[in-house]
Amino acid sequence: MRVAALVLGLCLLAPGGTAWAADPAAALAPFLGAPYRDDGVDDPAGRHTLFADQAASFPTAGYNCSGFVTTASRGLLGRPLPLDAVKRDRKGDSGPGSPRGQDWDFGYDLIVNITDGLPRRVLAPSAPTSDPAALDASRFRGFPLHDNAAWNTALSSLRPGEMALAALSKAVKGRLYYYHVGLIATDSQGRKFLYHATPGHGVHRLELSSPAGMAALGREFAEKRFGDKQVLLVAVPLPR
């Protein structure tokens, strides 16, 4: 219950998420080590539940990648983020019977839904637009996940007082999927970390501002598994 209690406590003590924004890395620390749970997420009341079955309830926290990003973003951005709103199929192109496959762009939809209505911009060396909602997610997917130079360019453009949401995509048997999400936050020393949840490690972080952290990212998302992997980063300001 410690994660849910922290979320509720900070939201009550600091409307708008100000306490979280002051040091997002410190605020995210209690999430580290939370176990992976398929479809696991917290609802706006802090109850541990599932995206697909919001009547389900668990005594302890557990998150999949999208559940962690939703729950953490709720506190960092000071937004309620109802679950039906964050998983909305924005363009009506990934429901049952979709030619591209059901939920093919779930990760893209999720990060755009979470930041809907906020000033935001795409962090990519060659983005056709700064507005992530205006992208054709089947054509522009950010930059190659294993391109360290592109990462350096993107991360150097992340401004103080901003966080970034990340959506990873890959092709599997000719089909494109936005299959994983995470968030990037900066600590008090200026180090940038990717926070995410995976089946093997639960919620953990990788320091993207260090060679060791980038090497760990490469190992977690091996270059030769499936097709070309790319990452779409969306920067958004934290509340002040």
Protein backbone atom coordinates (compact mmCIF):
# COMPACT_ATOMS: atom_id res chain seq x y z
CA MET A 1 0.00 0.00 0.00
CA ARG A 2 3.00 2.34 0.34
CA VAL A 3 2.80 3.53 -3.30
CA ALA A 4 -0.91 4.29 -3.14
CA ALA A 5 -0.48 6.11 0.18
CA LEU A 6 2.31 8.25 -1.26
CA VAL A 7 0.26 9.15 -4.33
CA LEU A 8 -2.76 10.16 -2.28
CA GLY A 9 -0.70 12.00 0.33
CA LEU A 10 1.20 14.12 -2.15
CA CYS A 11 -1.92 14.95 -4.12
CA LEU A 12 -3.66 16.10 -0.94
CA LEU A 13 -0.72 18.10 0.36
CA ALA A 14 0.25 19.67 -2.94
CA PRO A 15 -2.63 20.35 -5.34
CA GLY A 16 -1.41 20.39 -8.91
CA GLY A 17 1.46 18.00 -8.17
CA THR A 18 3.90 20.72 -7.01
CA ALA A 19 5.66 18.50 -4.46
CA TRP A 20 6.33 15.88 -7.11
CA ALA A 21 7.54 18.43 -9.63
CA ALA A 22 10.12 19.84 -7.22
CA ASP A 23 12.12 16.60 -7.38
CA PRO A 24 10.45 14.03 -9.64
CA ALA A 25 13.20 11.45 -9.20
CA ALA A 26 12.78 11.52 -5.43
CA ALA A 27 9.01 11.30 -5.79
CA LEU A 28 9.33 8.27 -8.05
CA ALA A 29 11.71 6.43 -5.72
CA PRO A 30 8.93 4.60 -3.78
CA PHE A 31 7.75 2.99 -7.03
CA LEU A 32 11.11 1.32 -7.59
CA GLY A 33 10.90 -2.39 -6.95
CA ALA A 34 7.13 -2.61 -7.31
CA PRO A 35 6.36 -5.97 -8.94
CA TYR A 36 5.12 -6.46 -12.46
CA ARG A 37 1.44 -7.30 -12.79
CA ASP A 38 -0.19 -7.97 -16.15
CA ASP A 39 -2.54 -5.05 -16.87
CA GLY A 40 -1.86 -3.65 -13.38
CA VAL A 41 -2.57 0.04 -12.69
CA ASP A 42 -3.87 2.32 -9.92
CA ASP A 43 -7.14 4.18 -10.42
CA PRO A 44 -7.54 7.89 -9.50
CA ALA A 45 -8.52 6.90 -5.93
CA GLY A 46 -5.23 4.99 -5.50
CA ARG A 47 -6.84 1.55 -5.67
CA HIS A 48 -4.70 -1.19 -7.23
CA THR A 49 -6.71 -2.57 -10.13
CA LEU A 50 -6.54 -3.57 -13.81
CA PHE A 51 -7.11 -1.58 -17.01
CA ALA A 52 -9.43 -4.21 -18.46
CA ASP A 53 -11.28 -5.07 -15.24
CA GLN A 54 -11.61 -1.97 -13.08
CA ALA A 55 -13.78 -3.89 -10.60
CA ALA A 56 -10.72 -5.94 -9.67
CA SER A 57 -8.87 -4.88 -6.53
CA PHE A 58 -5.52 -5.97 -5.08
CA PRO A 59 -4.07 -5.37 -1.61
CA THR A 60 -0.63 -4.46 -2.93
CA ALA A 61 0.72 -2.51 -5.89
CA GLY A 62 1.65 -4.14 -9.19
CA TYR A 63 2.07 -2.54 -12.59
CA ASN A 64 2.62 -3.30 -16.23
CA CYS A 65 4.43 -0.63 -18.23
CA SER A 66 1.34 1.41 -19.10
CA GLY A 67 -0.05 1.06 -15.58
CA PHE A 68 3.13 2.39 -14.03
CA VAL A 69 3.35 5.33 -16.46
CA THR A 70 -0.30 6.21 -15.87
CA THR A 71 -0.03 6.00 -12.08
CA ALA A 72 3.26 7.90 -11.87
CA SER A 73 2.14 10.56 -14.36
CA ARG A 74 -0.99 11.15 -12.30
CA GLY A 75 1.16 12.36 -9.43
CA LEU A 76 3.87 14.08 -11.46
CA LEU A 77 1.42 16.05 -13.58
CA GLY A 78 -1.27 16.54 -10.93
CA ARG A 79 -3.98 15.14 -13.21
CA PRO A 80 -6.74 12.63 -12.32
CA LEU A 81 -6.16 10.51 -15.45
CA PRO A 82 -9.27 8.27 -15.40
CA LEU A 83 -8.38 4.90 -16.84
CA ASP A 84 -10.94 4.94 -19.64
CA ALA A 85 -9.60 8.32 -20.76
CA VAL A 86 -5.93 7.32 -20.86
CA LYS A 87 -6.57 4.12 -22.83
CA ARG A 88 -8.90 5.80 -25.35
CA ASP A 89 -8.37 4.86 -29.00
CA ARG A 90 -7.80 8.42 -30.16
CA LYS A 91 -8.23 7.94 -33.89
CA GLY A 92 -10.55 4.94 -33.86
CA ASP A 93 -7.96 2.90 -35.76
CA SER A 94 -7.00 0.17 -33.31
CA GLY A 95 -10.21 -1.43 -32.10
CA PRO A 96 -11.43 -4.99 -32.74
CA GLY A 97 -11.12 -5.82 -36.41
CA SER A 98 -8.60 -3.07 -37.14
CA PRO A 99 -6.56 -3.86 -40.29
CA ARG A 100 -3.39 -3.04 -38.34
CA GLY A 101 -4.39 -5.22 -35.40
CA GLN A 102 -6.21 -4.44 -32.18
CA ASP A 103 -4.33 -2.03 -29.89
CA TRP A 104 -1.43 -1.71 -32.34
CA ASP A 105 -0.87 1.92 -31.26
CA PHE A 106 -1.85 1.55 -27.58
CA GLY A 107 1.44 2.98 -26.30
CA TYR A 108 1.22 5.98 -28.62
CA ASP A 109 -2.40 6.64 -27.64
CA LEU A 110 -1.51 6.34 -23.96
CA ILE A 111 1.23 8.97 -23.86
CA VAL A 112 -0.78 11.39 -26.02
CA ASN A 113 -3.88 10.88 -23.86
CA ILE A 114 -1.91 11.44 -20.64
CA THR A 115 -0.55 14.77 -21.94
CA ASP A 116 -3.76 15.87 -23.69
CA GLY A 117 -4.37 19.61 -23.30
CA LEU A 118 -0.89 20.37 -21.95
CA PRO A 119 1.88 22.19 -23.81
CA ARG A 120 4.02 19.40 -25.20
CA ARG A 121 6.47 18.64 -27.96
CA VAL A 122 8.07 15.72 -29.72
CA LEU A 123 11.75 15.18 -28.95
CA ALA A 124 13.29 13.81 -32.12
CA PRO A 125 15.97 15.10 -34.51
CA SER A 126 13.65 14.94 -37.54
CA ALA A 127 10.10 15.23 -36.21
CA PRO A 128 7.67 16.49 -38.89
CA THR A 129 5.67 18.34 -36.22
CA SER A 130 6.11 19.25 -32.55
CA ASP A 131 2.54 18.13 -31.78
CA PRO A 132 2.43 14.40 -31.02
CA ALA A 133 -1.33 14.27 -31.63
CA ALA A 134 -0.79 15.41 -35.23
CA LEU A 135 1.62 12.58 -36.05
CA ASP A 136 0.80 9.63 -38.24
CA ALA A 137 2.01 7.04 -35.75
CA SER A 138 2.29 4.40 -38.45
CA ARG A 139 4.83 6.48 -40.36
CA PHE A 140 6.75 8.55 -37.82
CA ARG A 141 7.84 6.63 -34.73
CA GLY A 142 10.56 8.88 -33.31
CA PHE A 143 14.12 7.62 -33.74
CA PRO A 144 15.94 4.26 -33.62
CA LEU A 145 16.09 2.93 -30.08
CA HIS A 146 19.76 1.98 -30.40
CA ASP A 147 20.92 5.30 -31.90
CA ASN A 148 22.94 6.85 -29.07
CA ALA A 149 23.54 10.07 -31.01
CA ALA A 150 19.79 10.55 -31.47
CA TRP A 151 19.28 9.89 -27.77
CA ASN A 152 21.88 12.52 -26.89
CA THR A 153 20.19 15.06 -29.14
CA ALA A 154 16.74 14.33 -27.73
CA LEU A 155 17.80 14.31 -24.09
CA SER A 156 19.81 17.52 -24.45
CA SER A 157 16.64 19.27 -25.60
CA LEU A 158 14.72 18.19 -22.49
CA ARG A 159 14.41 21.41 -20.50
CA PRO A 160 14.64 21.89 -16.74
CA GLY A 161 11.21 21.41 -15.23
CA GLU A 162 10.11 18.95 -17.91
CA MET A 163 9.54 15.22 -17.99
CA ALA A 164 9.19 13.03 -21.06
CA LEU A 165 6.97 10.09 -21.87
CA ALA A 166 8.38 7.36 -24.12
CA ALA A 167 6.56 4.95 -26.43
CA LEU A 168 8.58 2.12 -27.98
CA SER A 169 7.48 0.45 -31.20
CA LYS A 170 8.55 -2.56 -33.25
CA ALA A 171 7.33 -4.69 -36.11
CA VAL A 172 6.33 -8.30 -35.40
CA LYS A 173 5.58 -10.52 -38.41
CA GLY A 174 4.87 -7.48 -40.54
CA ARG A 175 2.66 -5.75 -37.97
CA LEU A 176 3.61 -2.58 -36.13
CA TYR A 177 3.05 -2.36 -32.37
CA TYR A 178 3.63 0.41 -29.85
CA TYR A 179 4.36 -2.21 -27.26
CA HIS A 180 6.13 -0.50 -24.34
CA VAL A 181 6.05 2.83 -22.51
CA GLY A 182 8.15 4.56 -19.88
CA LEU A 183 8.88 8.01 -18.53
CA ILE A 184 12.03 10.08 -18.25
CA ALA A 185 12.73 12.30 -15.26
CA THR A 186 15.73 14.32 -14.11
CA ASP A 187 17.13 14.12 -10.60
CA SER A 188 18.57 16.93 -8.47
CA GLN A 189 22.04 16.31 -9.95
CA GLY A 190 20.82 16.68 -13.54
CA ARG A 191 20.98 12.96 -14.32
CA LYS A 192 18.24 11.65 -16.62
CA PHE A 193 16.59 8.33 -15.90
CA LEU A 194 14.16 6.13 -17.78
CA TYR A 195 11.60 4.65 -15.39
CA HIS A 196 9.58 1.68 -16.59
CA ALA A 197 8.09 -1.66 -15.60
CA THR A 198 9.06 -4.96 -17.22
CA PRO A 199 8.16 -8.59 -16.42
CA GLY A 200 11.72 -9.43 -15.46
CA HIS A 201 12.49 -6.47 -13.22
CA GLY A 202 9.24 -4.84 -12.14
CA VAL A 203 9.51 -1.06 -11.82
CA HIS A 204 13.11 0.06 -12.20
CA ARG A 205 15.16 2.83 -13.76
CA LEU A 206 18.08 3.18 -16.15
CA GLU A 207 20.38 6.21 -16.17
CA LEU A 208 20.30 7.42 -19.77
CA SER A 209 22.93 10.07 -19.05
CA SER A 210 25.55 7.37 -18.44
CA PRO A 211 27.15 4.88 -20.85
CA ALA A 212 26.35 2.04 -18.45
CA GLY A 213 22.69 2.97 -18.40
CA MET A 214 22.50 3.17 -22.18
CA ALA A 215 24.21 -0.21 -22.43
CA ALA A 216 21.62 -1.65 -20.03
CA LEU A 217 18.85 -0.21 -22.20
CA GLY A 218 20.37 -1.97 -25.19
CA ARG A 219 20.42 -5.27 -23.33
CA GLU A 220 16.83 -4.97 -22.14
CA PHE A 221 15.63 -4.22 -25.68
CA ALA A 222 17.96 -6.33 -27.77
CA GLU A 223 18.55 -4.90 -31.23
CA LYS A 224 18.10 -8.13 -33.18
CA ARG A 225 14.84 -9.32 -31.61
CA PHE A 226 11.86 -8.77 -33.89
CA GLY A 227 12.09 -5.78 -36.23
CA ASP A 228 13.49 -2.29 -36.06
CA LYS A 229 12.78 -0.72 -32.66
CA GLN A 230 12.10 2.99 -32.38
CA VAL A 231 11.22 5.32 -29.53
CA LEU A 232 8.89 8.33 -29.55
CA LEU A 233 9.55 10.89 -26.82
CA VAL A 234 7.02 13.54 -25.79
CA ALA A 235 8.19 16.30 -23.43
CA VAL A 236 5.72 18.01 -21.14
CA PRO A 237 6.26 20.62 -18.39
CA LEU A 238 5.86 19.63 -14.77
CA PRO A 239 3.54 21.83 -12.66
CA ARG A 240 5.23 24.70 -10.86
